[in-house]
Each structure stands twice: as structure tokens, then as C-alpha cells.
Amino acid sequence: MSERSGIPGEGLVKGLAVTLKTMTRRSTTQQYPDVAPELPPRSRGVIALLAENCTVCMLCARECPDWCIYIDSHKEEVAVPGAARPRQRNVLDKFDIDFSLCMYCGICVEVCPFDALYWSPEFEYAEYDIKDLLHDKDHLGEWMATVPPPPAHDRNGEPAKEEATAARKAAAPSSSAARPTVVRPEPGPAPDGGTPA
């Protein structure tokens, strides 16, 4: 038989030492229902909808891996002054997200080209019935009030596309005014009496 090294009960003493050290530390438990947790700024709670921005392009529904977004719309004619005929636009009738199927991947928020979908840090929307986790566009619109503002741009980072375009447009008239006008002479007769080339 192999002999054990150390004093009998040494492991028990080490375990009790760890327990005593932990007992003397101050507790960092958050009392959740009474105290709201401090969530990170990019936390994924619920998806909010800004219905005015939605053009019913269906990208979010097509890219959703769980197929939990249901969209329905109709076309309306819009009379444009000066146009030969009225234009048509899609009007959003139904925009539902089934959060019992959603896996919170965020693909719908990323692919939306018109910034109609946003992440809200709100996560307290549990229901007693799973059917109540199907949120319609009015319910999704209510979450927009809880969407945090976007973070400020890094001053050392690349400027936003809109800022760069505005700066270029502002610089364009001043640069053209500063540029000297070049007057080119009109072609005259060639020195040897022939026609100019």
C-alpha cells in the first residue's frame, strides 16, 4: 500500500479555511426584485419596433433562423405633385415576433436597412401562457421608450458616413471657388499657313 503524505485531516482544514474566508467577505448579491440590476449597455432584452421606419422589405423575416417574425402589409397609392402617375408604397398591417421561438441572435436588428428594429435592455416580459409571448407591432412599439441612445462616436475613430458626406459637400463649393479658372486659347491658323490640327 502506498502511504499518504501529510497530516490526517489536512484537506478538511483547508476546506474549512476557504469557507471561513468566504464567510468574512462582504456579500455582493443584488436583491433583484427590489433593486433593478445594472445591465451592460449592449444587453439583449426584447426587440423594439419603430413602425414608421419599416418599409416591409421582409429582410428581417427572411433572415430569421427561427422564422419567428410574421409580417403582413398592403399597398397604397400616393399622389406625388408633378409626377405622371401616383406611386405605390407598402403599409405595415401586422408585425409580430414570437418570443417563445426567438433565440435572440440579433440578425433581424442587424439586417434592417431602415433602422426599424432595436434592442431594448428590458427583459421582464414573462407570461403565464406561452401564447402571450407573441408580441404585435403595438406591443413592440411600446418598447421603443426603453431603447438607450446610441453611444457617442470615438473621436479618434473613423467618422460616420453621414458626417463625412456632409463635410465633403461643405468643402466642395469653397474648393471650386479657390480653384483658378484656366482660359484656353482658341485654335488659330498654324504657323506654316496650314490648317490647325
C-alpha atoms as a PDB file:
ATOM      1  CA  MET A   1       0.000   0.000   0.000  1.00  0.00           C
ATOM      2  CA  SER A   2       1.185   3.500  -0.712  1.00  0.00           C
ATOM      3  CA  GLU A   3       1.489   5.851   2.195  1.00  0.00           C
ATOM      4  CA  ARG A   4      -0.372   9.165   2.157  1.00  0.00           C
ATOM      5  CA  SER A   5       1.721  12.271   2.565  1.00  0.00           C
ATOM      6  CA  GLY A   6       0.660  14.928   5.054  1.00  0.00           C
ATOM      7  CA  ILE A   7      -1.277  15.086   8.268  1.00  0.00           C
ATOM      8  CA  PRO A   8      -4.610  13.279   8.613  1.00  0.00           C
ATOM      9  CA  GLY A   9      -7.496  15.771   8.186  1.00  0.00           C
ATOM     10  CA  GLU A  10      -5.374  18.326   6.315  1.00  0.00           C
ATOM     11  CA  GLY A  11      -7.890  18.512   3.431  1.00  0.00           C
ATOM     12  CA  LEU A  12     -10.738  19.147   5.842  1.00  0.00           C
ATOM     13  CA  VAL A  13      -8.835  22.014   7.460  1.00  0.00           C
ATOM     14  CA  LYS A  14      -8.085  23.582   4.056  1.00  0.00           C
ATOM     15  CA  GLY A  15     -11.744  23.355   3.051  1.00  0.00           C
ATOM     16  CA  LEU A  16     -12.906  24.951   6.300  1.00  0.00           C
ATOM     17  CA  ALA A  17     -10.317  27.729   5.869  1.00  0.00           C
ATOM     18  CA  VAL A  18     -11.774  28.583   2.453  1.00  0.00           C
ATOM     19  CA  THR A  19     -15.289  28.566   3.925  1.00  0.00           C
ATOM     20  CA  LEU A  20     -14.296  30.866   6.800  1.00  0.00           C
ATOM     21  CA  LYS A  21     -12.509  33.268   4.432  1.00  0.00           C
ATOM     22  CA  THR A  22     -15.606  33.450   2.206  1.00  0.00           C
ATOM     23  CA  MET A  23     -17.887  33.999   5.211  1.00  0.00           C
ATOM     24  CA  THR A  24     -15.929  37.080   6.294  1.00  0.00           C
ATOM     25  CA  ARG A  25     -16.219  38.768   2.865  1.00  0.00           C
ATOM     26  CA  ARG A  26     -18.988  41.248   2.168  1.00  0.00           C
ATOM     27  CA  SER A  27     -21.849  39.835   0.090  1.00  0.00           C
ATOM     28  CA  THR A  28     -22.301  41.191  -3.451  1.00  0.00           C
ATOM     29  CA  THR A  29     -25.722  39.667  -4.086  1.00  0.00           C
ATOM     30  CA  GLN A  30     -28.169  42.014  -5.834  1.00  0.00           C
ATOM     31  CA  GLN A  31     -31.667  41.899  -4.383  1.00  0.00           C
ATOM     32  CA  TYR A  32     -33.238  41.582  -7.851  1.00  0.00           C
ATOM     33  CA  PRO A  33     -36.955  42.223  -7.479  1.00  0.00           C
ATOM     34  CA  ASP A  34     -36.369  45.154  -5.139  1.00  0.00           C
ATOM     35  CA  VAL A  35     -33.236  46.536  -6.818  1.00  0.00           C
ATOM     36  CA  ALA A  36     -33.051  46.757 -10.597  1.00  0.00           C
ATOM     37  CA  PRO A  37     -29.908  45.114 -11.999  1.00  0.00           C
ATOM     38  CA  GLU A  38     -27.275  47.216 -13.750  1.00  0.00           C
ATOM     39  CA  LEU A  39     -27.213  45.724 -17.215  1.00  0.00           C
ATOM     40  CA  PRO A  40     -24.413  46.267 -19.726  1.00  0.00           C
ATOM     41  CA  PRO A  41     -25.261  48.832 -22.430  1.00  0.00           C
ATOM     42  CA  ARG A  42     -25.461  46.242 -25.239  1.00  0.00           C
ATOM     43  CA  SER A  43     -27.583  43.711 -23.362  1.00  0.00           C
ATOM     44  CA  ARG A  44     -30.249  41.914 -25.387  1.00  0.00           C
ATOM     45  CA  GLY A  45     -33.612  42.033 -23.690  1.00  0.00           C
ATOM     46  CA  VAL A  46     -36.509  42.461 -26.094  1.00  0.00           C
ATOM     47  CA  ILE A  47     -36.702  43.674 -29.696  1.00  0.00           C
ATOM     48  CA  ALA A  48     -38.411  47.047 -30.141  1.00  0.00           C
ATOM     49  CA  LEU A  49     -40.071  48.196 -33.378  1.00  0.00           C
ATOM     50  CA  LEU A  50     -40.161  51.711 -34.828  1.00  0.00           C
ATOM     51  CA  ALA A  51     -43.079  51.125 -37.196  1.00  0.00           C
ATOM     52  CA  GLU A  52     -42.650  54.451 -39.049  1.00  0.00           C
ATOM     53  CA  ASN A  53     -39.273  53.292 -40.385  1.00  0.00           C
ATOM     54  CA  CYS A  54     -40.478  49.875 -41.564  1.00  0.00           C
ATOM     55  CA  THR A  55     -40.845  49.650 -45.358  1.00  0.00           C
ATOM     56  CA  VAL A  56     -41.994  45.998 -45.315  1.00  0.00           C
ATOM     57  CA  CYS A  57     -38.850  44.879 -47.147  1.00  0.00           C
ATOM     58  CA  MET A  58     -39.174  41.494 -45.352  1.00  0.00           C
ATOM     59  CA  LEU A  59     -35.403  41.181 -44.825  1.00  0.00           C
ATOM     60  CA  CYS A  60     -35.793  40.526 -41.096  1.00  0.00           C
ATOM     61  CA  ALA A  61     -38.375  37.787 -41.637  1.00  0.00           C
ATOM     62  CA  ARG A  62     -36.310  36.137 -44.387  1.00  0.00           C
ATOM     63  CA  GLU A  63     -33.054  36.181 -42.431  1.00  0.00           C
ATOM     64  CA  CYS A  64     -34.568  34.981 -39.132  1.00  0.00           C
ATOM     65  CA  PRO A  65     -33.230  31.441 -38.484  1.00  0.00           C
ATOM     66  CA  ASP A  66     -36.235  30.597 -36.283  1.00  0.00           C
ATOM     67  CA  TRP A  67     -38.915  32.063 -38.560  1.00  0.00           C
ATOM     68  CA  CYS A  68     -40.474  33.828 -35.590  1.00  0.00           C
ATOM     69  CA  ILE A  69     -41.268  37.146 -37.360  1.00  0.00           C
ATOM     70  CA  TYR A  70     -44.648  37.476 -39.085  1.00  0.00           C
ATOM     71  CA  ILE A  71     -45.262  40.469 -41.375  1.00  0.00           C
ATOM     72  CA  ASP A  72     -48.327  41.458 -43.385  1.00  0.00           C
ATOM     73  CA  SER A  73     -48.892  44.605 -45.450  1.00  0.00           C
ATOM     74  CA  HIS A  74     -50.934  46.199 -48.209  1.00  0.00           C
ATOM     75  CA  LYS A  75     -50.148  48.693 -50.985  1.00  0.00           C
ATOM     76  CA  GLU A  76     -51.404  52.269 -51.071  1.00  0.00           C
ATOM     77  CA  GLU A  77     -51.211  54.794 -53.877  1.00  0.00           C
ATOM     78  CA  VAL A  78     -49.552  58.093 -53.036  1.00  0.00           C
ATOM     79  CA  ALA A  79     -50.107  61.103 -55.279  1.00  0.00           C
ATOM     80  CA  VAL A  80     -46.852  62.958 -55.884  1.00  0.00           C
ATOM     81  CA  PRO A  81     -47.204  66.540 -57.167  1.00  0.00           C
ATOM     82  CA  GLY A  82     -45.650  66.885 -60.598  1.00  0.00           C
ATOM     83  CA  ALA A  83     -45.433  63.128 -61.207  1.00  0.00           C
ATOM     84  CA  ALA A  84     -47.100  61.499 -64.220  1.00  0.00           C
ATOM     85  CA  ARG A  85     -48.803  58.821 -62.150  1.00  0.00           C
ATOM     86  CA  PRO A  86     -49.280  58.045 -58.459  1.00  0.00           C
ATOM     87  CA  ARG A  87     -46.650  55.967 -56.705  1.00  0.00           C
ATOM     88  CA  GLN A  88     -47.279  52.884 -54.595  1.00  0.00           C
ATOM     89  CA  ARG A  89     -45.933  52.256 -51.134  1.00  0.00           C
ATOM     90  CA  ASN A  90     -46.218  49.363 -48.700  1.00  0.00           C
ATOM     91  CA  VAL A  91     -48.154  49.991 -45.498  1.00  0.00           C
ATOM     92  CA  LEU A  92     -47.406  47.786 -42.492  1.00  0.00           C
ATOM     93  CA  ASP A  93     -50.514  45.961 -41.223  1.00  0.00           C
ATOM     94  CA  LYS A  94     -49.015  43.298 -38.985  1.00  0.00           C
ATOM     95  CA  PHE A  95     -45.575  42.867 -37.432  1.00  0.00           C
ATOM     96  CA  ASP A  96     -45.445  40.105 -34.822  1.00  0.00           C
ATOM     97  CA  ILE A  97     -42.470  38.488 -33.098  1.00  0.00           C
ATOM     98  CA  ASP A  98     -42.962  35.196 -31.275  1.00  0.00           C
ATOM     99  CA  PHE A  99     -40.550  35.404 -28.334  1.00  0.00           C
ATOM    100  CA  SER A 100     -41.236  31.800 -27.404  1.00  0.00           C
ATOM    101  CA  LEU A 101     -39.315  30.868 -30.584  1.00  0.00           C
ATOM    102  CA  CYS A 102     -36.809  33.749 -30.720  1.00  0.00           C
ATOM    103  CA  MET A 103     -33.221  32.825 -29.871  1.00  0.00           C
ATOM    104  CA  TYR A 104     -32.075  36.470 -29.526  1.00  0.00           C
ATOM    105  CA  CYS A 105     -29.403  36.180 -32.206  1.00  0.00           C
ATOM    106  CA  GLY A 106     -29.924  39.792 -33.326  1.00  0.00           C
ATOM    107  CA  ILE A 107     -29.798  39.062 -37.054  1.00  0.00           C
ATOM    108  CA  CYS A 108     -33.092  40.903 -37.640  1.00  0.00           C
ATOM    109  CA  VAL A 109     -31.739  44.040 -35.942  1.00  0.00           C
ATOM    110  CA  GLU A 110     -28.510  43.899 -37.956  1.00  0.00           C
ATOM    111  CA  VAL A 111     -30.056  43.327 -41.396  1.00  0.00           C
ATOM    112  CA  CYS A 112     -32.762  46.010 -41.114  1.00  0.00           C
ATOM    113  CA  PRO A 113     -31.644  48.675 -43.637  1.00  0.00           C
ATOM    114  CA  PHE A 114     -34.013  51.351 -42.323  1.00  0.00           C
ATOM    115  CA  ASP A 115     -33.340  51.142 -38.549  1.00  0.00           C
ATOM    116  CA  ALA A 116     -36.806  49.897 -37.672  1.00  0.00           C
ATOM    117  CA  LEU A 117     -35.658  47.258 -35.136  1.00  0.00           C
ATOM    118  CA  TYR A 118     -33.692  47.960 -31.961  1.00  0.00           C
ATOM    119  CA  TRP A 119     -32.503  46.075 -28.884  1.00  0.00           C
ATOM    120  CA  SER A 120     -34.117  47.137 -25.637  1.00  0.00           C
ATOM    121  CA  PRO A 121     -32.497  46.109 -22.335  1.00  0.00           C
ATOM    122  CA  GLU A 122     -35.931  45.278 -20.859  1.00  0.00           C
ATOM    123  CA  PHE A 123     -36.189  41.597 -20.026  1.00  0.00           C
ATOM    124  CA  GLU A 124     -39.181  41.423 -17.682  1.00  0.00           C
ATOM    125  CA  TYR A 125     -41.885  40.212 -20.034  1.00  0.00           C
ATOM    126  CA  ALA A 126     -42.537  36.710 -18.745  1.00  0.00           C
ATOM    127  CA  GLU A 127     -46.076  35.398 -19.216  1.00  0.00           C
ATOM    128  CA  TYR A 128     -48.152  32.644 -17.638  1.00  0.00           C
ATOM    129  CA  ASP A 129     -49.296  31.423 -21.056  1.00  0.00           C
ATOM    130  CA  ILE A 130     -46.825  30.771 -23.880  1.00  0.00           C
ATOM    131  CA  LYS A 131     -49.312  32.198 -26.404  1.00  0.00           C
ATOM    132  CA  ASP A 132     -48.928  35.629 -24.782  1.00  0.00           C
ATOM    133  CA  LEU A 133     -45.271  35.758 -25.864  1.00  0.00           C
ATOM    134  CA  LEU A 134     -46.434  36.643 -29.389  1.00  0.00           C
ATOM    135  CA  HIS A 135     -45.968  40.437 -29.379  1.00  0.00           C
ATOM    136  CA  ASP A 136     -47.736  42.530 -32.011  1.00  0.00           C
ATOM    137  CA  LYS A 137     -46.486  45.804 -33.520  1.00  0.00           C
ATOM    138  CA  ASP A 138     -48.221  47.944 -30.884  1.00  0.00           C
ATOM    139  CA  HIS A 139     -46.606  45.974 -28.056  1.00  0.00           C
ATOM    140  CA  LEU A 140     -43.215  46.094 -29.808  1.00  0.00           C
ATOM    141  CA  GLY A 141     -43.646  49.842 -30.325  1.00  0.00           C
ATOM    142  CA  GLU A 142     -44.092  50.377 -26.586  1.00  0.00           C
ATOM    143  CA  TRP A 143     -40.549  49.038 -26.011  1.00  0.00           C
ATOM    144  CA  MET A 144     -39.065  51.915 -28.068  1.00  0.00           C
ATOM    145  CA  ALA A 145     -39.252  54.168 -24.989  1.00  0.00           C
ATOM    146  CA  THR A 146     -36.728  51.898 -23.244  1.00  0.00           C
ATOM    147  CA  VAL A 147     -34.156  51.770 -26.085  1.00  0.00           C
ATOM    148  CA  PRO A 148     -30.959  53.512 -24.928  1.00  0.00           C
ATOM    149  CA  PRO A 149     -29.431  56.231 -27.132  1.00  0.00           C
ATOM    150  CA  PRO A 150     -26.560  55.125 -29.351  1.00  0.00           C
ATOM    151  CA  PRO A 151     -23.077  55.531 -27.876  1.00  0.00           C
ATOM    152  CA  ALA A 152     -21.061  58.589 -28.858  1.00  0.00           C
ATOM    153  CA  HIS A 153     -18.562  58.192 -31.676  1.00  0.00           C
ATOM    154  CA  ASP A 154     -14.927  57.721 -30.774  1.00  0.00           C
ATOM    155  CA  ARG A 155     -13.133  60.994 -31.529  1.00  0.00           C
ATOM    156  CA  ASN A 156     -10.098  59.082 -32.775  1.00  0.00           C
ATOM    157  CA  GLY A 157     -12.196  56.692 -34.864  1.00  0.00           C
ATOM    158  CA  GLU A 158     -13.433  56.925 -38.410  1.00  0.00           C
ATOM    159  CA  PRO A 159     -16.254  59.487 -38.825  1.00  0.00           C
ATOM    160  CA  ALA A 160     -19.758  58.324 -39.635  1.00  0.00           C
ATOM    161  CA  LYS A 161     -20.737  58.157 -43.315  1.00  0.00           C
ATOM    162  CA  GLU A 162     -23.241  60.967 -42.862  1.00  0.00           C
ATOM    163  CA  GLU A 163     -20.645  63.240 -41.243  1.00  0.00           C
ATOM    164  CA  ALA A 164     -18.059  62.519 -43.938  1.00  0.00           C
ATOM    165  CA  THR A 165     -20.586  63.203 -46.720  1.00  0.00           C
ATOM    166  CA  ALA A 166     -21.685  66.471 -45.100  1.00  0.00           C
ATOM    167  CA  ALA A 167     -18.050  67.559 -44.688  1.00  0.00           C
ATOM    168  CA  ARG A 168     -17.322  66.790 -48.359  1.00  0.00           C
ATOM    169  CA  LYS A 169     -20.394  68.742 -49.517  1.00  0.00           C
ATOM    170  CA  ALA A 170     -19.435  71.703 -47.350  1.00  0.00           C
ATOM    171  CA  ALA A 171     -15.867  71.678 -48.676  1.00  0.00           C
ATOM    172  CA  ALA A 172     -16.864  71.320 -52.349  1.00  0.00           C
ATOM    173  CA  PRO A 173     -18.082  74.922 -53.042  1.00  0.00           C
ATOM    174  CA  SER A 174     -15.125  76.518 -51.251  1.00  0.00           C
ATOM    175  CA  SER A 175     -12.583  74.404 -53.134  1.00  0.00           C
ATOM    176  CA  SER A 176     -14.161  75.191 -56.518  1.00  0.00           C
ATOM    177  CA  ALA A 177     -14.161  78.917 -55.696  1.00  0.00           C
ATOM    178  CA  ALA A 178     -10.481  78.815 -54.746  1.00  0.00           C
ATOM    179  CA  ARG A 179      -9.503  76.984 -57.931  1.00  0.00           C
ATOM    180  CA  PRO A 180      -8.218  79.369 -60.650  1.00  0.00           C
ATOM    181  CA  THR A 181     -10.080  79.452 -63.933  1.00  0.00           C
ATOM    182  CA  VAL A 182      -7.970  78.254 -66.850  1.00  0.00           C
ATOM    183  CA  VAL A 183      -8.644  80.040 -70.127  1.00  0.00           C
ATOM    184  CA  ARG A 184      -7.586  78.016 -73.117  1.00  0.00           C
ATOM    185  CA  PRO A 185      -6.715  79.891 -76.286  1.00  0.00           C
ATOM    186  CA  GLU A 186      -8.820  79.238 -79.340  1.00  0.00           C
ATOM    187  CA  PRO A 187      -7.066  77.361 -82.096  1.00  0.00           C
ATOM    188  CA  GLY A 188      -5.786  79.714 -84.756  1.00  0.00           C
ATOM    189  CA  PRO A 189      -4.009  79.240 -88.069  1.00  0.00           C
ATOM    190  CA  ALA A 190      -0.916  77.092 -87.998  1.00  0.00           C
ATOM    191  CA  PRO A 191       2.438  78.916 -88.272  1.00  0.00           C
ATOM    192  CA  ASP A 192       3.175  77.339 -91.652  1.00  0.00           C
ATOM    193  CA  GLY A 193      -0.078  78.628 -93.096  1.00  0.00           C
ATOM    194  CA  GLY A 194      -1.865  75.246 -92.943  1.00  0.00           C
ATOM    195  CA  THR A 195      -4.972  74.335 -91.013  1.00  0.00           C
ATOM    196  CA  PRO A 196      -4.700  73.676 -87.271  1.00  0.00           C
ATOM    197  CA  ALA A 197      -4.586  70.094 -86.118  1.00  0.00           C
END
